[in-house]
Amino acid sequence: METDRCLASLMDVSRSLAFIALVLAAPGCGRGPREVVQPVATPASPPRAPTAAAPPRAPDPDLHRPPPRKLLDIAWSKIDLTDDAAALAVWRQIAPRGADWQDKLEEIPAAATRPLAIAVLRGGNFLCTPPPTGDCARPAYEVDPPAETAGFDDPCLRRVLALWAIDQIEDDDVPAVRDALRGLAALPPPESQLVAAAIHAVPEAEQDLRLAVLAAAWRAGQRELVGAAIGALDEPHQIAAVRDHHIDAALDTLTAEAHRAVYLAAVRDDGVRGAALGAAARIAAISELVATGGGAPRLPADLVAALTAAAKSRDCAVAAAAARALAQHGDPRFVPRRPRTANRDVLMRAVCVLASYEAAMQSDEPSLVPDYVPARGLVRTTIAFDPLSDDDQDGDGDPHTTHTAELVPRAEAVLPEIEDFLRALSHCTGTICVSDDHEFRLVWSPAGGRPGELLLSRIEIADRPPCPSKPAP
């Protein structure tokens, strides 16, 4: 019983508590006025020490470039460029040097560039790198740049000024610089950039001037540049290039069928009055003309006449080609045979033609050399050169050379080292002919039983010592 009463009392208490909670939760019930909550003051932070200002950053040199310093102090508005003398006086004020010429040219106003360009082109003196000379001269492939101290009168600086000048002139200026353009075209290798610029500066409509410029370049040895530009000439000027200026490359633009007279003249072009077409072009003309006959056994009369003249050409290769063309068509008059003479000049000329003729022969054709050789045969002497040898094996007093000799039977005699021998025959002094690699000495001896005649009894082939090595810098 007592326990039941305790439980009942607890239940009453819990109901009272729940009721009170509901009352307090009801809005406005059981609450007094809301107290204003005062913010709790936080303690003040100690004052921060002022930070040091960052040092100013230098401007980015790529984004903030300073204005370029002017190199020229010239009152251009007061200058009257009426003639070359006035223009040259201004050039003296500009005073270009190898170290600053490009920067100074950029400061020249557009109105002054053309008269200044014309004056520098007319002034000439553009040969910066002369071609090498001498047997052991090394070829030059590039033109020297101007030295930093080079001035206006230095050819290497004037060369780069000329390149700039050609870019400034216009077609209307070409008549004023035609002589200058011819002079530029006449510069020899290794110069090529200025020559090409001079050729292309001539308007295509100026065919006479373009031919004159190309002819000057051809004579100067600028064969590749002329060959690349010759196609821009019209047909009459290409014919004139062959006929009047002996430009081989122009013949390649013509055909034997359409320009037969030009080809026949090319075969005969032996340079009696000076320059001549090259041997390769004349030999090609012979082949083209023979081919136009369609394989007929007899050659046309005009071609026979041209070949007969060419068979007497001063050029051995042309003479041999003409003689061979005639012989292949039933006319053996000019097949090279040994002259019955003791004149060594005549004999050397005969050997020159013989060598070219033999080089063109087929392997199954009999050699013509035995006719020049004594019955006992041809002595062939070889002198080899070894720069590293210290042993005088043959007792000639020179440890670097070795002599060997053999007697070649007459029926087996041939000309030695034929390709190099052909090159050497262009550089003969008496009976000694020299190429880059060999020296050939031909020894002629009296023919037994035939007074007044000489035969080729010995050929000496000597290696030429190499050129001295260039010392290391």
Protein backbone atom coordinates (compact mmCIF):
# COMPACT_ATOMS: atom_id res chain seq x y z
CA MET A 1 0.00 0.00 0.00
CA GLU A 2 2.70 2.30 0.94
CA THR A 3 4.42 1.63 -2.32
CA ASP A 4 1.30 2.43 -4.33
CA ARG A 5 0.95 5.79 -2.66
CA CYS A 6 4.54 6.72 -3.48
CA LEU A 7 4.01 5.89 -7.12
CA ALA A 8 0.85 7.99 -7.28
CA SER A 9 2.63 10.98 -5.77
CA LEU A 10 5.41 10.75 -8.31
CA MET A 11 2.91 10.69 -11.19
CA ASP A 12 1.20 13.83 -9.85
CA VAL A 13 4.51 15.58 -9.65
CA SER A 14 5.41 14.64 -13.24
CA ARG A 15 2.07 15.92 -14.55
CA SER A 16 2.61 19.23 -12.77
CA LEU A 17 6.04 19.59 -14.25
CA ALA A 18 4.77 18.89 -17.78
CA PHE A 19 2.01 21.49 -17.38
CA ILE A 20 4.50 24.12 -16.19
CA ALA A 21 6.72 23.36 -19.13
CA LEU A 22 3.81 23.92 -21.55
CA VAL A 23 2.96 27.18 -19.93
CA LEU A 24 6.49 28.44 -20.10
CA ALA A 25 6.74 27.40 -23.72
CA ALA A 26 3.60 29.33 -24.70
CA PRO A 27 4.35 32.78 -26.11
CA GLY A 28 4.07 35.52 -23.53
CA CYS A 29 3.29 33.15 -20.81
CA GLY A 30 5.32 33.00 -17.70
CA ARG A 31 8.10 35.31 -19.04
CA GLY A 32 9.14 38.52 -17.65
CA PRO A 33 10.63 41.35 -19.75
CA ARG A 34 13.57 40.18 -21.91
CA GLU A 35 16.82 41.31 -20.62
CA VAL A 36 19.17 43.04 -23.01
CA VAL A 37 22.29 41.03 -23.23
CA GLN A 38 25.26 43.31 -23.07
CA PRO A 39 28.18 42.31 -25.39
CA VAL A 40 31.18 41.19 -23.56
CA ALA A 41 34.07 43.50 -24.35
CA THR A 42 37.13 41.75 -25.64
CA PRO A 43 40.45 43.03 -24.54
CA ALA A 44 41.99 45.44 -27.13
CA SER A 45 44.77 44.03 -29.25
CA PRO A 46 48.10 45.71 -28.89
CA PRO A 47 48.81 48.19 -31.74
CA ARG A 48 50.57 46.53 -34.73
CA ALA A 49 53.92 47.87 -35.59
CA PRO A 50 53.88 49.54 -39.06
CA THR A 51 55.40 47.32 -41.76
CA ALA A 52 58.25 48.63 -43.86
CA ALA A 53 57.21 49.64 -47.41
CA ALA A 54 58.36 47.15 -50.12
CA PRO A 55 61.09 48.54 -52.35
CA PRO A 56 59.84 49.61 -55.80
CA ARG A 57 60.26 46.92 -58.47
CA ALA A 58 62.25 47.71 -61.58
CA PRO A 59 60.12 47.82 -64.75
CA ASP A 60 60.13 44.69 -66.90
CA PRO A 61 62.69 45.37 -69.67
CA ASP A 62 60.57 43.41 -72.14
CA LEU A 63 57.47 45.53 -71.45
CA HIS A 64 59.05 48.90 -70.72
CA ARG A 65 61.78 49.43 -73.26
CA PRO A 66 63.47 52.79 -73.11
CA PRO A 67 63.27 54.77 -76.31
CA PRO A 68 66.27 54.02 -78.55
CA ARG A 69 69.07 56.50 -78.46
CA LYS A 70 69.30 58.48 -81.68
CA LEU A 71 72.56 57.96 -83.53
CA LEU A 72 72.12 60.58 -86.23
CA ASP A 73 72.01 64.29 -85.58
CA ILE A 74 71.05 65.46 -89.06
CA ALA A 75 68.56 68.18 -89.93
CA TRP A 76 66.92 66.23 -92.73
CA SER A 77 64.45 68.99 -93.56
CA LYS A 78 67.34 71.27 -94.51
CA ILE A 79 69.10 68.76 -96.80
CA ASP A 80 68.61 68.90 -100.55
CA LEU A 81 69.74 65.64 -102.16
CA THR A 82 69.88 66.91 -105.71
CA ASP A 83 72.97 65.01 -106.92
CA ASP A 84 75.50 62.37 -105.95
CA ALA A 85 77.87 64.89 -104.40
CA ALA A 86 75.19 66.07 -101.98
CA ALA A 87 74.21 62.49 -101.19
CA LEU A 88 77.81 61.48 -100.55
CA ALA A 89 78.22 64.43 -98.21
CA VAL A 90 75.26 63.14 -96.22
CA TRP A 91 76.79 59.67 -96.17
CA ARG A 92 79.85 61.25 -94.56
CA GLN A 93 77.58 62.70 -91.90
CA ILE A 94 75.88 59.36 -91.37
CA ALA A 95 79.34 57.78 -91.06
CA PRO A 96 78.19 54.16 -90.97
CA ARG A 97 80.48 51.69 -89.26
CA GLY A 98 80.54 47.95 -89.15
CA ALA A 99 79.21 48.08 -85.59
CA ASP A 100 76.24 50.43 -86.15
CA TRP A 101 75.34 50.65 -89.84
CA GLN A 102 72.01 48.85 -89.47
CA ASP A 103 70.82 51.09 -86.63
CA LYS A 104 71.85 54.22 -88.52
CA LEU A 105 70.09 53.16 -91.72
CA GLU A 106 66.86 52.72 -89.77
CA GLU A 107 66.96 56.42 -88.83
CA ILE A 108 67.10 57.62 -92.44
CA PRO A 109 63.72 59.08 -93.41
CA ALA A 110 61.92 57.48 -96.34
CA ALA A 111 62.23 60.59 -98.48
CA ALA A 112 66.03 60.39 -98.40
CA THR A 113 66.56 56.66 -99.00
CA ARG A 114 66.37 56.61 -102.81
CA PRO A 115 68.90 59.37 -103.56
CA LEU A 116 71.26 57.97 -100.93
CA ALA A 117 70.85 54.48 -102.40
CA ILE A 118 71.58 55.66 -105.94
CA ALA A 119 74.71 57.48 -104.79
CA VAL A 120 76.15 54.47 -102.98
CA LEU A 121 75.45 52.15 -105.94
CA ARG A 122 77.14 54.51 -108.37
CA GLY A 123 80.16 54.75 -106.09
CA GLY A 124 81.20 51.11 -106.64
CA ASN A 125 84.00 49.45 -104.62
CA PHE A 126 82.05 46.39 -103.49
CA LEU A 127 84.61 43.59 -103.91
CA CYS A 128 84.86 42.42 -100.30
CA THR A 129 86.38 38.94 -100.71
CA PRO A 130 88.59 38.52 -103.80
CA PRO A 131 88.73 35.04 -105.33
CA PRO A 132 91.71 33.00 -104.13
CA THR A 133 94.64 32.53 -106.49
CA GLY A 134 97.53 30.08 -106.68
CA ASP A 135 97.84 26.32 -106.80
CA CYS A 136 97.27 25.78 -103.10
CA ALA A 137 94.76 28.56 -102.59
CA ARG A 138 91.75 27.30 -100.69
CA PRO A 139 88.41 28.15 -102.28
CA ALA A 140 86.36 30.80 -100.54
CA TYR A 141 82.70 29.94 -100.07
CA GLU A 142 81.50 32.91 -98.06
CA VAL A 143 81.96 36.66 -98.16
CA ASP A 144 83.57 38.28 -95.15
CA PRO A 145 81.31 40.42 -92.93
CA PRO A 146 82.44 43.98 -92.32
CA ALA A 147 84.65 44.52 -89.32
CA GLU A 148 83.15 46.57 -86.49
CA THR A 149 85.57 49.39 -87.23
CA ALA A 150 84.97 49.33 -91.02
CA GLY A 151 84.00 52.72 -92.39
CA PHE A 152 82.14 54.01 -95.44
CA ASP A 153 85.11 53.39 -97.78
CA ASP A 154 85.63 49.78 -96.70
CA PRO A 155 84.51 47.37 -99.49
CA CYS A 156 82.94 44.93 -97.05
CA LEU A 157 80.81 47.66 -95.48
CA ARG A 158 79.97 49.13 -98.89
CA ARG A 159 78.81 45.66 -99.93
CA VAL A 160 76.11 45.51 -97.24
CA LEU A 161 75.17 49.11 -97.99
CA ALA A 162 74.71 48.11 -101.63
CA LEU A 163 72.35 45.30 -100.61
CA TRP A 164 70.34 47.85 -98.65
CA ALA A 165 70.46 50.29 -101.58
CA ILE A 166 69.07 47.80 -104.10
CA ASP A 167 66.07 47.31 -101.83
CA GLN A 168 65.40 51.05 -101.84
CA ILE A 169 65.41 51.74 -105.57
CA GLU A 170 62.32 51.45 -107.75
CA ASP A 171 61.87 50.60 -111.41
CA ASP A 172 62.03 54.29 -112.32
CA ASP A 173 65.52 54.47 -110.79
CA VAL A 174 66.98 51.63 -112.88
CA PRO A 175 68.10 53.82 -115.82
CA ALA A 176 70.14 55.88 -113.36
CA VAL A 177 71.98 52.84 -112.00
CA ARG A 178 72.25 50.60 -115.08
CA ASP A 179 76.05 50.85 -115.15
CA ALA A 180 76.18 50.16 -111.43
CA LEU A 181 74.07 47.03 -111.86
CA ARG A 182 76.40 45.75 -114.58
CA GLY A 183 79.33 46.40 -112.28
CA LEU A 184 77.69 44.49 -109.44
CA ALA A 185 76.94 41.57 -111.76
CA ALA A 186 80.62 41.42 -112.74
CA LEU A 187 81.72 40.55 -109.19
CA PRO A 188 83.36 37.09 -109.14
CA PRO A 189 82.62 34.24 -106.71
CA PRO A 190 82.43 33.83 -103.79
CA GLU A 191 80.15 36.85 -104.09
CA SER A 192 76.68 35.72 -105.11
CA GLN A 193 74.16 37.68 -103.03
CA LEU A 194 74.96 41.03 -104.62
CA VAL A 195 75.06 39.52 -108.11
CA ALA A 196 71.65 37.89 -107.67
CA ALA A 197 70.24 41.15 -106.30
CA ALA A 198 71.56 43.09 -109.32
CA ILE A 199 70.02 40.59 -111.75
CA HIS A 200 66.62 40.71 -110.08
CA ALA A 201 66.68 44.49 -109.80
CA VAL A 202 66.28 44.76 -113.57
CA PRO A 203 62.60 44.85 -114.60
CA GLU A 204 61.62 41.99 -116.88
CA ALA A 205 60.56 44.46 -119.54
CA GLU A 206 64.15 45.77 -119.74
CA GLN A 207 65.37 42.83 -121.83
CA ASP A 208 68.46 44.55 -123.25
CA LEU A 209 69.70 45.56 -119.81
CA ARG A 210 68.88 42.16 -118.32
CA LEU A 211 70.92 40.45 -121.05
CA ALA A 212 73.82 42.85 -120.45
CA VAL A 213 73.72 42.14 -116.70
CA LEU A 214 73.56 38.38 -117.27
CA ALA A 215 76.45 38.55 -119.74
CA ALA A 216 78.58 40.41 -117.18
CA ALA A 217 77.76 37.80 -114.55
CA TRP A 218 78.56 34.95 -116.97
CA ARG A 219 81.97 36.39 -117.78
CA ALA A 220 82.64 36.72 -114.05
CA GLY A 221 82.05 33.00 -113.54
CA GLN A 222 78.57 33.23 -112.01
CA ARG A 223 77.33 30.25 -114.02
CA GLU A 224 74.65 28.94 -111.66
CA LEU A 225 73.06 32.36 -111.13
CA VAL A 226 72.92 33.04 -114.86
CA GLY A 227 71.59 29.58 -115.60
CA ALA A 228 68.76 30.12 -113.13
CA ALA A 229 67.85 33.53 -114.58
CA ILE A 230 68.33 33.00 -118.32
CA GLY A 231 64.79 31.67 -118.78
CA ALA A 232 63.37 35.14 -118.10
CA LEU A 233 64.76 36.36 -121.44
CA ASP A 234 62.54 36.27 -124.48
CA GLU A 235 63.53 34.14 -127.48
CA PRO A 236 65.40 36.86 -129.44
CA HIS A 237 67.49 37.71 -126.39
CA GLN A 238 68.21 34.05 -125.66
CA ILE A 239 69.50 33.70 -129.22
CA ALA A 240 71.62 36.83 -128.71
CA ALA A 241 72.91 35.36 -125.44
CA VAL A 242 74.28 32.36 -127.37
CA ARG A 243 75.47 34.18 -130.47
CA ASP A 244 76.86 37.41 -129.02
CA HIS A 245 77.73 36.58 -125.42
CA HIS A 246 78.58 32.85 -125.65
CA ILE A 247 76.34 31.93 -122.72
CA ASP A 248 76.12 28.15 -122.65
CA ALA A 249 73.02 28.13 -120.47
CA ALA A 250 71.01 29.98 -123.11
CA LEU A 251 71.58 27.16 -125.60
CA ASP A 252 69.73 24.81 -123.24
CA THR A 253 66.59 26.93 -123.62
CA LEU A 254 66.61 26.46 -127.42
CA THR A 255 66.24 23.33 -129.55
CA ALA A 256 68.18 22.02 -132.52
CA GLU A 257 64.97 21.54 -134.51
CA ALA A 258 63.58 25.05 -134.01
CA HIS A 259 66.91 26.92 -133.90
CA ARG A 260 69.14 24.98 -136.29
CA ALA A 261 71.13 28.03 -137.41
CA VAL A 262 71.93 28.90 -133.79
CA TYR A 263 73.11 25.34 -133.13
CA LEU A 264 75.26 25.23 -136.25
CA ALA A 265 76.86 28.53 -135.24
CA ALA A 266 77.45 27.12 -131.74
CA VAL A 267 79.38 24.17 -133.21
CA ARG A 268 81.62 26.61 -135.07
CA ASP A 269 81.99 29.04 -132.13
CA ASP A 270 85.72 28.71 -131.56
CA GLY A 271 86.30 32.10 -129.97
CA VAL A 272 88.33 33.52 -132.84
CA ARG A 273 87.44 37.03 -131.69
CA GLY A 274 87.65 36.36 -127.98
CA ALA A 275 85.33 34.30 -125.78
CA ALA A 276 83.72 31.12 -127.05
CA LEU A 277 80.98 28.79 -125.98
CA GLY A 278 82.18 26.15 -123.56
CA ALA A 279 83.29 22.79 -124.87
CA ALA A 280 80.42 20.97 -123.14
CA ALA A 281 77.82 23.18 -124.85
CA ARG A 282 79.39 22.79 -128.27
CA ILE A 283 79.67 19.00 -127.90
CA ALA A 284 76.02 18.90 -126.81
CA ALA A 285 75.11 20.93 -129.91
CA ILE A 286 76.93 18.36 -132.08
CA SER A 287 75.00 15.53 -130.50
CA GLU A 288 71.67 17.33 -130.88
CA LEU A 289 72.26 18.15 -134.53
CA VAL A 290 73.36 14.60 -135.34
CA ALA A 291 70.27 13.27 -133.56
CA THR A 292 67.95 15.45 -135.65
CA GLY A 293 69.06 13.49 -138.70
CA GLY A 294 67.06 10.54 -137.42
CA GLY A 295 69.97 8.10 -137.80
CA ALA A 296 70.47 8.73 -141.51
CA PRO A 297 73.80 7.33 -142.81
CA ARG A 298 74.80 10.66 -144.34
CA LEU A 299 74.84 13.97 -142.54
CA PRO A 300 73.34 17.13 -144.08
CA ALA A 301 75.82 19.32 -145.93
CA ASP A 302 75.47 22.26 -143.52
CA LEU A 303 76.27 20.00 -140.57
CA VAL A 304 79.24 18.42 -142.36
CA ALA A 305 80.62 21.91 -142.98
CA ALA A 306 80.16 22.87 -139.32
CA LEU A 307 81.77 19.63 -138.10
CA THR A 308 84.69 20.02 -140.49
CA ALA A 309 85.38 23.44 -139.03
CA ALA A 310 84.96 22.15 -135.46
CA ALA A 311 87.37 19.26 -136.11
CA LYS A 312 90.08 21.91 -136.35
CA SER A 313 88.94 23.66 -133.16
CA ARG A 314 91.47 24.94 -130.68
CA ASP A 315 89.56 22.99 -128.04
CA CYS A 316 90.72 19.37 -128.13
CA ALA A 317 87.45 17.98 -126.78
CA VAL A 318 85.37 19.77 -129.44
CA ALA A 319 87.76 18.68 -132.19
CA ALA A 320 87.54 15.06 -131.01
CA ALA A 321 83.72 15.15 -130.82
CA ALA A 322 83.45 16.58 -134.33
CA ALA A 323 85.96 14.05 -135.70
CA ARG A 324 84.07 11.20 -134.06
CA ALA A 325 80.69 12.36 -135.43
CA LEU A 326 82.15 12.54 -138.95
CA ALA A 327 83.84 9.13 -138.62
CA GLN A 328 80.64 7.50 -137.44
CA HIS A 329 78.98 8.73 -140.62
CA GLY A 330 81.62 7.53 -143.04
CA ASP A 331 84.14 10.40 -143.01
CA PRO A 332 87.37 9.32 -141.22
CA ARG A 333 89.48 12.29 -142.33
CA PHE A 334 89.86 13.71 -138.82
CA VAL A 335 90.31 10.56 -136.76
CA PRO A 336 93.39 11.42 -134.64
CA ARG A 337 96.56 9.88 -136.03
CA ARG A 338 100.17 10.54 -135.12
CA PRO A 339 101.61 13.46 -137.06
CA ARG A 340 104.78 12.48 -138.92
CA THR A 341 106.81 15.29 -137.44
CA ALA A 342 109.43 16.14 -134.82
CA ASN A 343 107.55 19.24 -133.71
CA ARG A 344 106.65 18.58 -130.07
CA ASP A 345 103.94 21.26 -130.01
CA VAL A 346 102.17 19.57 -132.91
CA LEU A 347 102.56 16.20 -131.25
CA MET A 348 101.22 17.44 -127.92
CA ARG A 349 98.18 18.90 -129.70
CA ALA A 350 97.62 15.53 -131.40
CA VAL A 351 97.80 13.71 -128.05
CA CYS A 352 95.30 16.20 -126.60
CA VAL A 353 92.74 15.37 -129.31
CA LEU A 354 93.62 11.69 -129.04
CA ALA A 355 92.86 11.63 -125.31
CA SER A 356 89.40 13.14 -125.79
CA TYR A 357 88.70 10.80 -128.68
CA GLU A 358 89.77 7.74 -126.68
CA ALA A 359 87.63 8.80 -123.70
CA ALA A 360 84.53 8.69 -125.95
CA MET A 361 85.28 5.29 -127.50
CA GLN A 362 83.42 2.12 -126.61
CA SER A 363 85.25 -0.67 -124.83
CA ASP A 364 85.18 -2.88 -127.94
CA GLU A 365 86.84 -0.27 -130.16
CA PRO A 366 90.60 -0.64 -130.70
CA SER A 367 92.79 2.03 -129.13
CA LEU A 368 94.62 4.52 -131.34
CA VAL A 369 97.50 4.92 -128.88
CA PRO A 370 99.75 2.16 -130.34
CA ASP A 371 100.28 4.27 -133.46
CA TYR A 372 102.13 6.80 -131.26
CA VAL A 373 104.36 4.23 -129.50
CA PRO A 374 107.68 2.64 -130.57
CA ALA A 375 107.73 -1.04 -131.49
CA ARG A 376 109.43 -2.00 -128.23
CA GLY A 377 106.52 -0.54 -126.21
CA LEU A 378 105.75 2.36 -123.88
CA VAL A 379 107.65 2.90 -120.65
CA ARG A 380 105.27 3.94 -117.91
CA THR A 381 106.91 5.45 -114.83
CA THR A 382 104.95 6.13 -111.66
CA ILE A 383 106.21 8.34 -108.86
CA ALA A 384 104.12 7.84 -105.74
CA PHE A 385 104.27 10.38 -102.92
CA ASP A 386 103.91 9.41 -99.26
CA PRO A 387 104.23 12.36 -96.86
CA LEU A 388 104.63 10.03 -93.86
CA SER A 389 107.39 7.83 -95.24
CA ASP A 390 110.88 8.06 -93.72
CA ASP A 391 112.43 5.27 -95.80
CA ASP A 392 114.12 6.04 -99.13
CA GLN A 393 113.19 2.73 -100.74
CA ASP A 394 114.25 3.56 -104.29
CA GLY A 395 117.42 5.47 -103.45
CA ASP A 396 116.40 8.67 -105.18
CA GLY A 397 117.34 10.77 -102.16
CA ASP A 398 113.73 11.54 -101.25
CA PRO A 399 112.10 9.29 -98.59
CA HIS A 400 108.65 10.53 -99.57
CA THR A 401 108.74 9.35 -103.21
CA THR A 402 108.82 5.87 -104.70
CA HIS A 403 109.61 5.28 -108.39
CA THR A 404 108.30 2.29 -110.28
CA ALA A 405 108.57 1.58 -114.01
CA GLU A 406 107.09 -0.94 -116.40
CA LEU A 407 107.33 -1.56 -120.12
CA VAL A 408 103.86 -1.79 -121.66
CA PRO A 409 103.75 -3.74 -124.93
CA ARG A 410 102.91 -1.57 -127.91
CA ALA A 411 99.65 -3.37 -128.64
CA GLU A 412 98.48 -2.84 -125.04
CA ALA A 413 99.49 0.81 -124.70
CA VAL A 414 96.80 3.18 -123.40
CA LEU A 415 96.81 6.67 -121.97
CA PRO A 416 97.07 6.60 -118.18
CA GLU A 417 94.54 8.02 -115.72
CA ILE A 418 92.47 9.19 -118.68
CA GLU A 419 90.01 11.45 -116.82
CA ASP A 420 92.72 13.21 -114.84
CA PHE A 421 94.98 13.27 -117.89
CA LEU A 422 92.25 15.15 -119.78
CA ARG A 423 92.12 17.74 -117.01
CA ALA A 424 95.89 18.06 -117.04
CA LEU A 425 95.98 18.65 -120.81
CA SER A 426 94.31 22.01 -120.20
CA HIS A 427 97.40 23.07 -118.22
CA CYS A 428 100.47 22.13 -120.22
CA THR A 429 103.86 23.78 -120.40
CA GLY A 430 105.84 22.16 -123.16
CA THR A 431 105.56 18.41 -122.62
CA ILE A 432 104.52 18.64 -118.93
CA CYS A 433 100.82 18.79 -118.07
CA VAL A 434 99.50 19.29 -114.56
CA SER A 435 96.23 18.51 -112.80
CA ASP A 436 95.39 19.00 -109.14
CA ASP A 437 96.54 15.47 -108.36
CA HIS A 438 99.21 14.54 -110.90
CA GLU A 439 102.00 15.82 -113.08
CA PHE A 440 102.24 14.09 -116.46
CA ARG A 441 105.51 14.24 -118.38
CA LEU A 442 105.54 12.97 -121.98
CA VAL A 443 108.90 11.93 -123.39
CA TRP A 444 109.29 11.87 -127.18
CA SER A 445 112.13 9.98 -128.87
CA PRO A 446 113.29 9.71 -132.49
CA ALA A 447 111.55 7.04 -134.49
CA GLY A 448 114.13 4.49 -135.63
CA GLY A 449 114.58 4.50 -139.39
CA ARG A 450 112.28 7.49 -139.84
CA PRO A 451 114.30 10.71 -139.55
CA GLY A 452 112.34 13.78 -138.55
CA GLU A 453 109.69 11.84 -136.63
CA LEU A 454 109.18 11.39 -132.91
CA LEU A 455 107.35 8.67 -131.01
CA LEU A 456 105.94 8.62 -127.49
CA SER A 457 108.50 6.48 -125.69
CA ARG A 458 107.71 7.22 -122.03
CA ILE A 459 105.01 8.69 -119.83
CA GLU A 460 105.79 9.71 -116.25
CA ILE A 461 102.92 10.08 -113.79
CA ALA A 462 103.95 11.77 -110.54
CA ASP A 463 101.72 12.35 -107.54
CA ARG A 464 101.64 15.99 -106.61
CA PRO A 465 102.43 16.67 -102.95
CA PRO A 466 99.39 17.79 -101.00
CA CYS A 467 98.99 21.43 -100.21
CA PRO A 468 100.23 22.45 -96.77
CA SER A 469 97.65 22.16 -94.05
CA LYS A 470 96.30 25.40 -92.70
CA PRO A 471 97.70 25.96 -89.19
CA ALA A 472 95.19 25.78 -86.38
CA PRO A 473 94.11 29.19 -85.10
